[in-house]
Amino acid sequence: MADFSRPGSLYGAVDLGARKQALESQARREAAGPQAAASVVDVTEETFTSDVIDRSMSVPVVLDLWSPRAPGSAQLSPVLEKVVGETGGRAFLAKVNVDASPQIAQALRVQAVPTVLAIFQGQAVTGFQQVLPEQEVRRWLDELMGAVEQFYQANPDARPAADGGEEQEGPAGPPADPDLLAAEAAIDKGDLDEAEAAYQRLLARSPGDEDAKMGLAGVGLIKRTAEADSADVQRRLEDPADIDAALLAADLEMLSGAVDEAFQRLIAVVKRTSGDDRDKVRRHLLSLFDALPAEDPSLAKARRALSSALF
């Protein structure tokens, strides 16, 4: 059964800063309703947030991670296009060529292609990693759509307004801070140093700005893990004394969307360490807390666990 208990858990995989935006847009219910007909789009690293994460706040997105080198992709992709198309716009198909966009595959921990993931409310809720016959794909999609409908029945306010509805938009919010816009533009260009500087300027003026805190924490995560080798990190974890390996493993888990696992890992290290090592891990964990919006339910649970570990 698909689990929609924590919307936004996938945001860390590509753009941690989008996590808060998604939660806010979910609260405002301003996302556009399903399209009149099913759509298919080729997704890149630059468009993943808008075409997959943002869109999934109002309609389930079937993510087809494929490669022209994989014969299975050639078999499965046409089936997905047909079956998703039959939903009449109630689902959306996003195709990712993992050869052209390797960072998406790495962030989602894709081990083989084809891989299919269903994204809803910013979260990977179900999927499969093999070539299935059309009947099985249709059954899988029917189960997904059933779970989506159950979610909306349990959360009626979350259901997007129907096309052509008379729902009025709320008043426009204040204009975005120039440094926040500068940081976002720098990220779009891949200039993490400039993005970091812009977030720091904003925090110097507004120390409590949550967008800047999240953005700065997200940039730090990306920079720390840029050269990380997952296999090497796993090997190093065999040595409990390798504190840096545990910190890097938690960073990688955050970027993969495994937020709770990252927190649990570091809290476990806090419990078994002392002195400078414990303080180093504690400070690193607090920096990861900054990567999430304050209302994220994972934070309250992790803060309680950290307090228990320390005292």
C-alpha atoms as a PDB file:
ATOM      1  CA  MET A   1       0.000   0.000   0.000  1.00  0.00           C
ATOM      2  CA  ALA A   2       1.331   3.413  -0.917  1.00  0.00           C
ATOM      3  CA  ASP A   3       2.204   5.632   2.023  1.00  0.00           C
ATOM      4  CA  PHE A   4       1.506   9.366   1.862  1.00  0.00           C
ATOM      5  CA  SER A   5       2.190  10.061   5.542  1.00  0.00           C
ATOM      6  CA  ARG A   6       5.087  12.432   5.018  1.00  0.00           C
ATOM      7  CA  PRO A   7       4.736  14.589   1.900  1.00  0.00           C
ATOM      8  CA  GLY A   8       7.921  15.976   0.506  1.00  0.00           C
ATOM      9  CA  SER A   9      10.335  13.217   1.432  1.00  0.00           C
ATOM     10  CA  LEU A  10      11.722  13.118  -2.078  1.00  0.00           C
ATOM     11  CA  TYR A  11      12.678  16.777  -2.093  1.00  0.00           C
ATOM     12  CA  GLY A  12      16.072  16.096  -0.642  1.00  0.00           C
ATOM     13  CA  ALA A  13      16.921  13.979  -3.654  1.00  0.00           C
ATOM     14  CA  VAL A  14      17.163  16.896  -6.033  1.00  0.00           C
ATOM     15  CA  ASP A  15      16.279  20.211  -4.411  1.00  0.00           C
ATOM     16  CA  LEU A  16      15.946  20.467  -0.641  1.00  0.00           C
ATOM     17  CA  GLY A  17      14.866  24.055  -0.996  1.00  0.00           C
ATOM     18  CA  ALA A  18      11.767  22.921  -2.881  1.00  0.00           C
ATOM     19  CA  ARG A  19      10.555  20.887   0.085  1.00  0.00           C
ATOM     20  CA  LYS A  20       9.232  23.907   1.961  1.00  0.00           C
ATOM     21  CA  GLN A  21       7.743  25.342  -1.220  1.00  0.00           C
ATOM     22  CA  ALA A  22       5.840  22.113  -1.783  1.00  0.00           C
ATOM     23  CA  LEU A  23       4.472  22.017   1.748  1.00  0.00           C
ATOM     24  CA  GLU A  24       3.358  25.616   1.422  1.00  0.00           C
ATOM     25  CA  SER A  25       1.686  25.074  -1.926  1.00  0.00           C
ATOM     26  CA  GLN A  26      -0.029  22.010  -0.535  1.00  0.00           C
ATOM     27  CA  ALA A  27      -1.374  24.124   2.337  1.00  0.00           C
ATOM     28  CA  ARG A  28      -2.611  26.840  -0.002  1.00  0.00           C
ATOM     29  CA  ARG A  29      -4.129  24.278  -2.422  1.00  0.00           C
ATOM     30  CA  GLU A  30      -3.196  26.468  -5.348  1.00  0.00           C
ATOM     31  CA  ALA A  31      -1.707  23.738  -7.485  1.00  0.00           C
ATOM     32  CA  ALA A  32      -3.297  23.311 -10.874  1.00  0.00           C
ATOM     33  CA  GLY A  33      -5.770  20.486 -11.337  1.00  0.00           C
ATOM     34  CA  PRO A  34      -5.124  17.442 -13.530  1.00  0.00           C
ATOM     35  CA  GLN A  35      -4.776  18.148 -17.189  1.00  0.00           C
ATOM     36  CA  ALA A  36      -7.595  17.255 -19.556  1.00  0.00           C
ATOM     37  CA  ALA A  37      -5.465  14.593 -21.188  1.00  0.00           C
ATOM     38  CA  ALA A  38      -2.523  12.560 -19.940  1.00  0.00           C
ATOM     39  CA  SER A  39       0.869  14.120 -20.679  1.00  0.00           C
ATOM     40  CA  VAL A  40       4.327  12.759 -21.310  1.00  0.00           C
ATOM     41  CA  VAL A  41       7.451  14.844 -20.820  1.00  0.00           C
ATOM     42  CA  ASP A  42      11.175  14.226 -21.043  1.00  0.00           C
ATOM     43  CA  VAL A  43      12.727  15.363 -17.762  1.00  0.00           C
ATOM     44  CA  THR A  44      16.238  16.701 -17.180  1.00  0.00           C
ATOM     45  CA  GLU A  45      18.129  17.627 -14.034  1.00  0.00           C
ATOM     46  CA  GLU A  46      17.111  21.247 -14.595  1.00  0.00           C
ATOM     47  CA  THR A  47      13.392  20.478 -14.954  1.00  0.00           C
ATOM     48  CA  PHE A  48      13.016  17.662 -12.413  1.00  0.00           C
ATOM     49  CA  THR A  49      11.660  19.886  -9.645  1.00  0.00           C
ATOM     50  CA  SER A  50       8.998  21.564 -11.779  1.00  0.00           C
ATOM     51  CA  ASP A  51       8.028  18.605 -13.957  1.00  0.00           C
ATOM     52  CA  VAL A  52       8.069  15.920 -11.281  1.00  0.00           C
ATOM     53  CA  ILE A  53       8.106  17.269  -7.715  1.00  0.00           C
ATOM     54  CA  ASP A  54       5.884  20.327  -8.144  1.00  0.00           C
ATOM     55  CA  ARG A  55       3.495  18.519 -10.476  1.00  0.00           C
ATOM     56  CA  SER A  56       3.187  15.588  -8.070  1.00  0.00           C
ATOM     57  CA  MET A  57       1.559  17.856  -5.498  1.00  0.00           C
ATOM     58  CA  SER A  58      -1.658  17.671  -7.539  1.00  0.00           C
ATOM     59  CA  VAL A  59      -1.377  14.548  -9.711  1.00  0.00           C
ATOM     60  CA  PRO A  60       0.591  11.289  -9.418  1.00  0.00           C
ATOM     61  CA  VAL A  61       3.678  11.298 -11.620  1.00  0.00           C
ATOM     62  CA  VAL A  62       4.938   8.017 -13.054  1.00  0.00           C
ATOM     63  CA  LEU A  63       8.696   8.359 -13.382  1.00  0.00           C
ATOM     64  CA  ASP A  64      10.210   6.198 -16.142  1.00  0.00           C
ATOM     65  CA  LEU A  65      13.986   5.985 -15.620  1.00  0.00           C
ATOM     66  CA  TRP A  66      15.289   4.518 -18.845  1.00  0.00           C
ATOM     67  CA  SER A  67      18.407   4.177 -20.997  1.00  0.00           C
ATOM     68  CA  PRO A  68      18.810   3.765 -24.747  1.00  0.00           C
ATOM     69  CA  ARG A  69      21.358   1.063 -23.892  1.00  0.00           C
ATOM     70  CA  ALA A  70      18.795  -1.054 -22.040  1.00  0.00           C
ATOM     71  CA  PRO A  71      16.613  -3.329 -24.187  1.00  0.00           C
ATOM     72  CA  GLY A  72      14.092  -3.510 -21.377  1.00  0.00           C
ATOM     73  CA  SER A  73      13.491   0.217 -21.630  1.00  0.00           C
ATOM     74  CA  ALA A  74      12.464  -0.101 -25.257  1.00  0.00           C
ATOM     75  CA  GLN A  75       9.903  -2.716 -24.217  1.00  0.00           C
ATOM     76  CA  LEU A  76       8.517  -0.978 -21.148  1.00  0.00           C
ATOM     77  CA  SER A  77       8.371   2.695 -22.147  1.00  0.00           C
ATOM     78  CA  PRO A  78       5.687   2.308 -24.842  1.00  0.00           C
ATOM     79  CA  VAL A  79       3.566   0.290 -22.403  1.00  0.00           C
ATOM     80  CA  LEU A  80       3.850   3.037 -19.784  1.00  0.00           C
ATOM     81  CA  GLU A  81       2.876   5.689 -22.326  1.00  0.00           C
ATOM     82  CA  LYS A  82      -0.197   3.694 -23.326  1.00  0.00           C
ATOM     83  CA  VAL A  83      -1.341   2.795 -19.822  1.00  0.00           C
ATOM     84  CA  VAL A  84      -0.750   6.236 -18.306  1.00  0.00           C
ATOM     85  CA  GLY A  85      -2.433   7.804 -21.330  1.00  0.00           C
ATOM     86  CA  GLU A  86      -5.552   5.805 -20.565  1.00  0.00           C
ATOM     87  CA  THR A  87      -5.982   7.684 -17.272  1.00  0.00           C
ATOM     88  CA  GLY A  88      -7.196  10.738 -19.194  1.00  0.00           C
ATOM     89  CA  GLY A  89      -4.922  13.154 -17.389  1.00  0.00           C
ATOM     90  CA  ARG A  90      -5.328  11.717 -13.890  1.00  0.00           C
ATOM     91  CA  ALA A  91      -1.662  10.664 -14.036  1.00  0.00           C
ATOM     92  CA  PHE A  92       1.422  12.113 -15.687  1.00  0.00           C
ATOM     93  CA  LEU A  93       4.382  10.283 -17.234  1.00  0.00           C
ATOM     94  CA  ALA A  94       7.856  11.779 -16.793  1.00  0.00           C
ATOM     95  CA  LYS A  95      10.726  10.112 -18.661  1.00  0.00           C
ATOM     96  CA  VAL A  96      14.338  10.398 -17.476  1.00  0.00           C
ATOM     97  CA  ASN A  97      17.194   9.260 -19.694  1.00  0.00           C
ATOM     98  CA  VAL A  98      19.656   8.210 -16.991  1.00  0.00           C
ATOM     99  CA  ASP A  99      22.581   8.485 -19.405  1.00  0.00           C
ATOM    100  CA  ALA A 100      21.801  12.143 -20.055  1.00  0.00           C
ATOM    101  CA  SER A 101      20.771  12.935 -16.448  1.00  0.00           C
ATOM    102  CA  PRO A 102      22.947  10.725 -14.224  1.00  0.00           C
ATOM    103  CA  GLN A 103      22.536  12.918 -11.139  1.00  0.00           C
ATOM    104  CA  ILE A 104      18.828  12.101 -10.964  1.00  0.00           C
ATOM    105  CA  ALA A 105      19.565   8.384 -11.081  1.00  0.00           C
ATOM    106  CA  GLN A 106      22.278   8.753  -8.437  1.00  0.00           C
ATOM    107  CA  ALA A 107      20.053  10.810  -6.152  1.00  0.00           C
ATOM    108  CA  LEU A 108      17.260   8.256  -6.393  1.00  0.00           C
ATOM    109  CA  ARG A 109      19.670   5.342  -5.854  1.00  0.00           C
ATOM    110  CA  VAL A 110      18.681   3.728  -9.153  1.00  0.00           C
ATOM    111  CA  GLN A 111      20.674   0.518  -9.527  1.00  0.00           C
ATOM    112  CA  ALA A 112      19.275  -0.732 -12.840  1.00  0.00           C
ATOM    113  CA  VAL A 113      17.099   0.372 -15.727  1.00  0.00           C
ATOM    114  CA  PRO A 114      14.322   0.360 -16.442  1.00  0.00           C
ATOM    115  CA  THR A 115      13.132   1.542 -13.034  1.00  0.00           C
ATOM    116  CA  VAL A 116       9.645   2.965 -12.521  1.00  0.00           C
ATOM    117  CA  LEU A 117       8.719   5.116  -9.526  1.00  0.00           C
ATOM    118  CA  ALA A 118       5.401   6.696  -8.667  1.00  0.00           C
ATOM    119  CA  ILE A 119       5.772  10.165  -7.158  1.00  0.00           C
ATOM    120  CA  PHE A 120       2.876  11.738  -5.280  1.00  0.00           C
ATOM    121  CA  GLN A 121       2.885  14.717  -2.920  1.00  0.00           C
ATOM    122  CA  GLY A 122       6.650  14.906  -3.449  1.00  0.00           C
ATOM    123  CA  GLN A 123       7.201  11.358  -2.215  1.00  0.00           C
ATOM    124  CA  ALA A 124       8.219   8.139  -3.963  1.00  0.00           C
ATOM    125  CA  VAL A 125       5.312   5.920  -2.914  1.00  0.00           C
ATOM    126  CA  THR A 126       5.663   2.769  -5.003  1.00  0.00           C
ATOM    127  CA  GLY A 127       7.502   1.393  -8.003  1.00  0.00           C
ATOM    128  CA  PHE A 128       9.093  -1.575  -9.706  1.00  0.00           C
ATOM    129  CA  GLN A 129      12.393  -2.414 -11.367  1.00  0.00           C
ATOM    130  CA  GLN A 130      11.697  -4.890 -14.136  1.00  0.00           C
ATOM    131  CA  VAL A 131       9.906  -5.207 -17.460  1.00  0.00           C
ATOM    132  CA  LEU A 132       6.288  -6.078 -16.718  1.00  0.00           C
ATOM    133  CA  PRO A 133       3.617  -7.115 -19.221  1.00  0.00           C
ATOM    134  CA  GLU A 134       0.946  -4.552 -19.989  1.00  0.00           C
ATOM    135  CA  GLN A 135      -1.630  -6.273 -17.786  1.00  0.00           C
ATOM    136  CA  GLU A 136       0.679  -6.093 -14.753  1.00  0.00           C
ATOM    137  CA  VAL A 137       1.566  -2.453 -15.431  1.00  0.00           C
ATOM    138  CA  ARG A 138      -2.135  -1.607 -15.642  1.00  0.00           C
ATOM    139  CA  ARG A 139      -2.806  -3.443 -12.378  1.00  0.00           C
ATOM    140  CA  TRP A 140       0.062  -1.549 -10.695  1.00  0.00           C
ATOM    141  CA  LEU A 141      -1.245   1.783 -11.955  1.00  0.00           C
ATOM    142  CA  ASP A 142      -4.803   0.948 -10.853  1.00  0.00           C
ATOM    143  CA  GLU A 143      -3.488   0.268  -7.332  1.00  0.00           C
ATOM    144  CA  LEU A 144      -1.626   3.579  -7.383  1.00  0.00           C
ATOM    145  CA  MET A 145      -4.694   5.516  -8.502  1.00  0.00           C
ATOM    146  CA  GLY A 146      -6.762   3.755  -5.846  1.00  0.00           C
ATOM    147  CA  ALA A 147      -4.269   4.782  -3.161  1.00  0.00           C
ATOM    148  CA  VAL A 148      -4.331   8.366  -4.446  1.00  0.00           C
ATOM    149  CA  GLU A 149      -8.114   8.426  -4.239  1.00  0.00           C
ATOM    150  CA  GLN A 150      -7.996   7.046  -0.694  1.00  0.00           C
ATOM    151  CA  PHE A 151      -5.591   9.827   0.222  1.00  0.00           C
ATOM    152  CA  TYR A 152      -7.944  12.473  -1.145  1.00  0.00           C
ATOM    153  CA  GLN A 153     -10.947  10.906   0.604  1.00  0.00           C
ATOM    154  CA  ALA A 154      -9.041  11.068   3.883  1.00  0.00           C
ATOM    155  CA  ASN A 155      -7.748  14.576   3.106  1.00  0.00           C
ATOM    156  CA  PRO A 156     -10.525  16.295   1.097  1.00  0.00           C
ATOM    157  CA  ASP A 157      -8.956  19.726   1.436  1.00  0.00           C
ATOM    158  CA  ALA A 158      -5.887  18.456  -0.405  1.00  0.00           C
ATOM    159  CA  ARG A 159      -7.835  17.609  -3.570  1.00  0.00           C
ATOM    160  CA  PRO A 160      -7.028  20.155  -6.297  1.00  0.00           C
ATOM    161  CA  ALA A 161      -9.866  22.342  -7.477  1.00  0.00           C
ATOM    162  CA  ALA A 162     -11.474  21.134 -10.690  1.00  0.00           C
ATOM    163  CA  ASP A 163     -10.554  22.931 -13.889  1.00  0.00           C
ATOM    164  CA  GLY A 164     -12.768  25.935 -14.435  1.00  0.00           C
ATOM    165  CA  GLY A 165     -13.632  26.200 -10.745  1.00  0.00           C
ATOM    166  CA  GLU A 166     -14.476  29.485  -9.133  1.00  0.00           C
ATOM    167  CA  GLU A 167     -11.982  29.184  -6.287  1.00  0.00           C
ATOM    168  CA  GLN A 168     -10.396  32.548  -5.695  1.00  0.00           C
ATOM    169  CA  GLU A 169      -6.719  32.904  -5.166  1.00  0.00           C
ATOM    170  CA  GLY A 170      -5.565  34.396  -1.911  1.00  0.00           C
ATOM    171  CA  PRO A 171      -3.810  37.734  -1.743  1.00  0.00           C
ATOM    172  CA  ALA A 172      -0.354  37.858  -3.215  1.00  0.00           C
ATOM    173  CA  GLY A 173       2.458  37.445  -0.726  1.00  0.00           C
ATOM    174  CA  PRO A 174       5.351  39.836  -0.265  1.00  0.00           C
ATOM    175  CA  PRO A 175       7.937  39.969  -3.054  1.00  0.00           C
ATOM    176  CA  ALA A 176      10.799  37.506  -2.788  1.00  0.00           C
ATOM    177  CA  ASP A 177      14.030  38.746  -1.244  1.00  0.00           C
ATOM    178  CA  PRO A 178      16.613  39.735  -3.913  1.00  0.00           C
ATOM    179  CA  ASP A 179      19.286  37.546  -2.322  1.00  0.00           C
ATOM    180  CA  LEU A 180      16.889  34.594  -2.303  1.00  0.00           C
ATOM    181  CA  LEU A 181      16.244  35.136  -5.989  1.00  0.00           C
ATOM    182  CA  ALA A 182      19.978  35.468  -6.585  1.00  0.00           C
ATOM    183  CA  ALA A 183      20.618  32.180  -4.787  1.00  0.00           C
ATOM    184  CA  GLU A 184      17.988  30.383  -6.848  1.00  0.00           C
ATOM    185  CA  ALA A 185      19.415  31.803 -10.057  1.00  0.00           C
ATOM    186  CA  ALA A 186      22.905  30.696  -9.031  1.00  0.00           C
ATOM    187  CA  ILE A 187      21.653  27.175  -8.346  1.00  0.00           C
ATOM    188  CA  ASP A 188      20.030  27.096 -11.776  1.00  0.00           C
ATOM    189  CA  LYS A 189      23.444  27.954 -13.238  1.00  0.00           C
ATOM    190  CA  GLY A 190      25.182  25.359 -11.074  1.00  0.00           C
ATOM    191  CA  ASP A 191      27.171  28.009  -9.180  1.00  0.00           C
ATOM    192  CA  LEU A 192      26.931  26.668  -5.636  1.00  0.00           C
ATOM    193  CA  ASP A 193      29.511  29.099  -4.264  1.00  0.00           C
ATOM    194  CA  GLU A 194      27.472  32.094  -5.406  1.00  0.00           C
ATOM    195  CA  ALA A 195      24.281  30.516  -4.068  1.00  0.00           C
ATOM    196  CA  GLU A 196      25.985  29.971  -0.716  1.00  0.00           C
ATOM    197  CA  ALA A 197      27.136  33.592  -0.625  1.00  0.00           C
ATOM    198  CA  ALA A 198      23.642  34.865  -1.431  1.00  0.00           C
ATOM    199  CA  TYR A 199      22.042  32.757   1.317  1.00  0.00           C
ATOM    200  CA  GLN A 200      24.682  33.989   3.776  1.00  0.00           C
ATOM    201  CA  ARG A 201      23.946  37.618   2.862  1.00  0.00           C
ATOM    202  CA  LEU A 202      20.259  37.032   3.487  1.00  0.00           C
ATOM    203  CA  LEU A 203      20.924  35.349   6.837  1.00  0.00           C
ATOM    204  CA  ALA A 204      23.177  38.222   7.877  1.00  0.00           C
ATOM    205  CA  ARG A 205      20.198  40.539   7.454  1.00  0.00           C
ATOM    206  CA  SER A 206      17.497  38.111   8.590  1.00  0.00           C
ATOM    207  CA  PRO A 207      19.002  35.413  10.827  1.00  0.00           C
ATOM    208  CA  GLY A 208      15.665  33.635  11.195  1.00  0.00           C
ATOM    209  CA  ASP A 209      14.841  33.350   7.496  1.00  0.00           C
ATOM    210  CA  GLU A 210      13.851  29.705   7.025  1.00  0.00           C
ATOM    211  CA  ASP A 211      14.219  29.709   3.237  1.00  0.00           C
ATOM    212  CA  ALA A 212      17.807  30.892   3.545  1.00  0.00           C
ATOM    213  CA  LYS A 213      18.601  28.353   6.270  1.00  0.00           C
ATOM    214  CA  MET A 214      17.190  25.517   4.199  1.00  0.00           C
ATOM    215  CA  GLY A 215      18.904  26.715   1.059  1.00  0.00           C
ATOM    216  CA  LEU A 216      22.278  27.075   2.755  1.00  0.00           C
ATOM    217  CA  ALA A 217      21.958  23.645   4.356  1.00  0.00           C
ATOM    218  CA  GLY A 218      21.002  22.110   1.015  1.00  0.00           C
ATOM    219  CA  VAL A 219      23.944  23.688  -0.782  1.00  0.00           C
ATOM    220  CA  GLY A 220      26.247  22.423   1.951  1.00  0.00           C
ATOM    221  CA  LEU A 221      24.910  18.906   1.525  1.00  0.00           C
ATOM    222  CA  ILE A 222      25.462  18.967  -2.211  1.00  0.00           C
ATOM    223  CA  LYS A 223      28.995  20.319  -1.872  1.00  0.00           C
ATOM    224  CA  ARG A 224      29.970  17.788   0.813  1.00  0.00           C
ATOM    225  CA  THR A 225      28.728  14.843  -1.222  1.00  0.00           C
ATOM    226  CA  ALA A 226      29.854  15.974  -4.672  1.00  0.00           C
ATOM    227  CA  GLU A 227      32.840  13.624  -4.733  1.00  0.00           C
ATOM    228  CA  ALA A 228      31.411  10.918  -2.486  1.00  0.00           C
ATOM    229  CA  ASP A 229      31.591   7.290  -3.573  1.00  0.00           C
ATOM    230  CA  SER A 230      28.696   5.336  -2.077  1.00  0.00           C
ATOM    231  CA  ALA A 231      30.546   2.022  -2.197  1.00  0.00           C
ATOM    232  CA  ASP A 232      33.552   3.505  -0.429  1.00  0.00           C
ATOM    233  CA  VAL A 233      31.325   5.037   2.234  1.00  0.00           C
ATOM    234  CA  GLN A 234      29.688   1.663   2.844  1.00  0.00           C
ATOM    235  CA  ARG A 235      33.096   0.057   3.208  1.00  0.00           C
ATOM    236  CA  ARG A 236      34.252   2.708   5.666  1.00  0.00           C
ATOM    237  CA  LEU A 237      31.134   2.247   7.782  1.00  0.00           C
ATOM    238  CA  GLU A 238      32.462  -1.146   8.804  1.00  0.00           C
ATOM    239  CA  ASP A 239      34.823   0.772  11.097  1.00  0.00           C
ATOM    240  CA  PRO A 240      32.717   2.227  13.957  1.00  0.00           C
ATOM    241  CA  ALA A 241      35.545   4.647  14.747  1.00  0.00           C
ATOM    242  CA  ASP A 242      35.250   6.319  11.332  1.00  0.00           C
ATOM    243  CA  ILE A 243      33.005   9.183  12.404  1.00  0.00           C
ATOM    244  CA  ASP A 244      33.439  11.035   9.116  1.00  0.00           C
ATOM    245  CA  ALA A 245      32.059   8.036   7.226  1.00  0.00           C
ATOM    246  CA  ALA A 246      28.907   8.138   9.352  1.00  0.00           C
ATOM    247  CA  LEU A 247      28.492  11.864   8.685  1.00  0.00           C
ATOM    248  CA  LEU A 248      28.912  11.374   4.940  1.00  0.00           C
ATOM    249  CA  ALA A 249      26.535   8.420   4.925  1.00  0.00           C
ATOM    250  CA  ALA A 250      23.903  10.570   6.634  1.00  0.00           C
ATOM    251  CA  ASP A 251      24.439  13.312   4.054  1.00  0.00           C
ATOM    252  CA  LEU A 252      23.898  10.822   1.232  1.00  0.00           C
ATOM    253  CA  GLU A 253      20.757   9.518   2.911  1.00  0.00           C
ATOM    254  CA  MET A 254      19.407  13.050   3.203  1.00  0.00           C
ATOM    255  CA  LEU A 255      19.987  13.650  -0.488  1.00  0.00           C
ATOM    256  CA  SER A 256      18.253  10.376  -1.353  1.00  0.00           C
ATOM    257  CA  GLY A 257      15.190  11.417   0.644  1.00  0.00           C
ATOM    258  CA  ALA A 258      15.876   8.958   3.497  1.00  0.00           C
ATOM    259  CA  VAL A 259      15.516  11.696   6.091  1.00  0.00           C
ATOM    260  CA  ASP A 260      14.545   9.558   9.067  1.00  0.00           C
ATOM    261  CA  GLU A 261      17.325   7.069   8.343  1.00  0.00           C
ATOM    262  CA  ALA A 262      19.911   9.858   8.259  1.00  0.00           C
ATOM    263  CA  PHE A 263      18.727  11.219  11.596  1.00  0.00           C
ATOM    264  CA  GLN A 264      18.627   7.774  13.201  1.00  0.00           C
ATOM    265  CA  ARG A 265      22.151   7.028  12.016  1.00  0.00           C
ATOM    266  CA  LEU A 266      23.645  10.119  13.617  1.00  0.00           C
ATOM    267  CA  ILE A 267      21.639   9.827  16.814  1.00  0.00           C
ATOM    268  CA  ALA A 268      22.988   6.288  17.188  1.00  0.00           C
ATOM    269  CA  VAL A 269      26.522   7.659  16.821  1.00  0.00           C
ATOM    270  CA  VAL A 270      25.787  10.353  19.420  1.00  0.00           C
ATOM    271  CA  LYS A 271      24.746   7.609  21.845  1.00  0.00           C
ATOM    272  CA  ARG A 272      28.006   5.675  21.506  1.00  0.00           C
ATOM    273  CA  THR A 273      30.477   8.560  21.403  1.00  0.00           C
ATOM    274  CA  SER A 274      31.680  11.195  23.839  1.00  0.00           C
ATOM    275  CA  GLY A 275      33.730  14.371  24.010  1.00  0.00           C
ATOM    276  CA  ASP A 276      34.745  16.050  20.769  1.00  0.00           C
ATOM    277  CA  ASP A 277      33.440  13.221  18.582  1.00  0.00           C
ATOM    278  CA  ARG A 278      29.986  13.442  20.103  1.00  0.00           C
ATOM    279  CA  ASP A 279      29.909  17.221  19.744  1.00  0.00           C
ATOM    280  CA  LYS A 280      31.021  16.974  16.109  1.00  0.00           C
ATOM    281  CA  VAL A 281      28.204  14.559  15.301  1.00  0.00           C
ATOM    282  CA  ARG A 282      25.659  16.616  17.239  1.00  0.00           C
ATOM    283  CA  ARG A 283      26.568  19.795  15.351  1.00  0.00           C
ATOM    284  CA  HIS A 284      26.403  17.968  12.031  1.00  0.00           C
ATOM    285  CA  LEU A 285      22.961  16.633  12.892  1.00  0.00           C
ATOM    286  CA  LEU A 286      21.740  20.112  13.779  1.00  0.00           C
ATOM    287  CA  SER A 287      22.968  21.324  10.398  1.00  0.00           C
ATOM    288  CA  LEU A 288      20.859  18.619   8.746  1.00  0.00           C
ATOM    289  CA  PHE A 289      17.829  19.804  10.724  1.00  0.00           C
ATOM    290  CA  ASP A 290      18.210  23.160   8.966  1.00  0.00           C
ATOM    291  CA  ALA A 291      17.643  21.439   5.618  1.00  0.00           C
ATOM    292  CA  LEU A 292      13.979  20.812   6.460  1.00  0.00           C
ATOM    293  CA  PRO A 293      11.041  23.157   7.047  1.00  0.00           C
ATOM    294  CA  ALA A 294      10.251  23.701  10.712  1.00  0.00           C
ATOM    295  CA  GLU A 295       6.872  21.973  10.399  1.00  0.00           C
ATOM    296  CA  ASP A 296       8.320  18.759   8.989  1.00  0.00           C
ATOM    297  CA  PRO A 297       7.161  15.932  11.287  1.00  0.00           C
ATOM    298  CA  SER A 298      10.529  14.192  11.077  1.00  0.00           C
ATOM    299  CA  LEU A 299      12.150  17.073  12.942  1.00  0.00           C
ATOM    300  CA  ALA A 300      10.106  16.815  16.129  1.00  0.00           C
ATOM    301  CA  LYS A 301      10.758  13.087  16.348  1.00  0.00           C
ATOM    302  CA  ALA A 302      14.485  13.509  15.741  1.00  0.00           C
ATOM    303  CA  ARG A 303      14.829  16.358  18.240  1.00  0.00           C
ATOM    304  CA  ARG A 304      13.200  14.222  20.939  1.00  0.00           C
ATOM    305  CA  ALA A 305      15.501  11.315  20.116  1.00  0.00           C
ATOM    306  CA  LEU A 306      18.566  13.577  20.192  1.00  0.00           C
ATOM    307  CA  SER A 307      17.596  14.995  23.593  1.00  0.00           C
ATOM    308  CA  SER A 308      17.165  11.495  24.929  1.00  0.00           C
ATOM    309  CA  ALA A 309      20.559  10.476  23.536  1.00  0.00           C
ATOM    310  CA  LEU A 310      22.297  13.483  25.094  1.00  0.00           C
ATOM    311  CA  PHE A 311      20.623  13.481  28.496  1.00  0.00           C
END
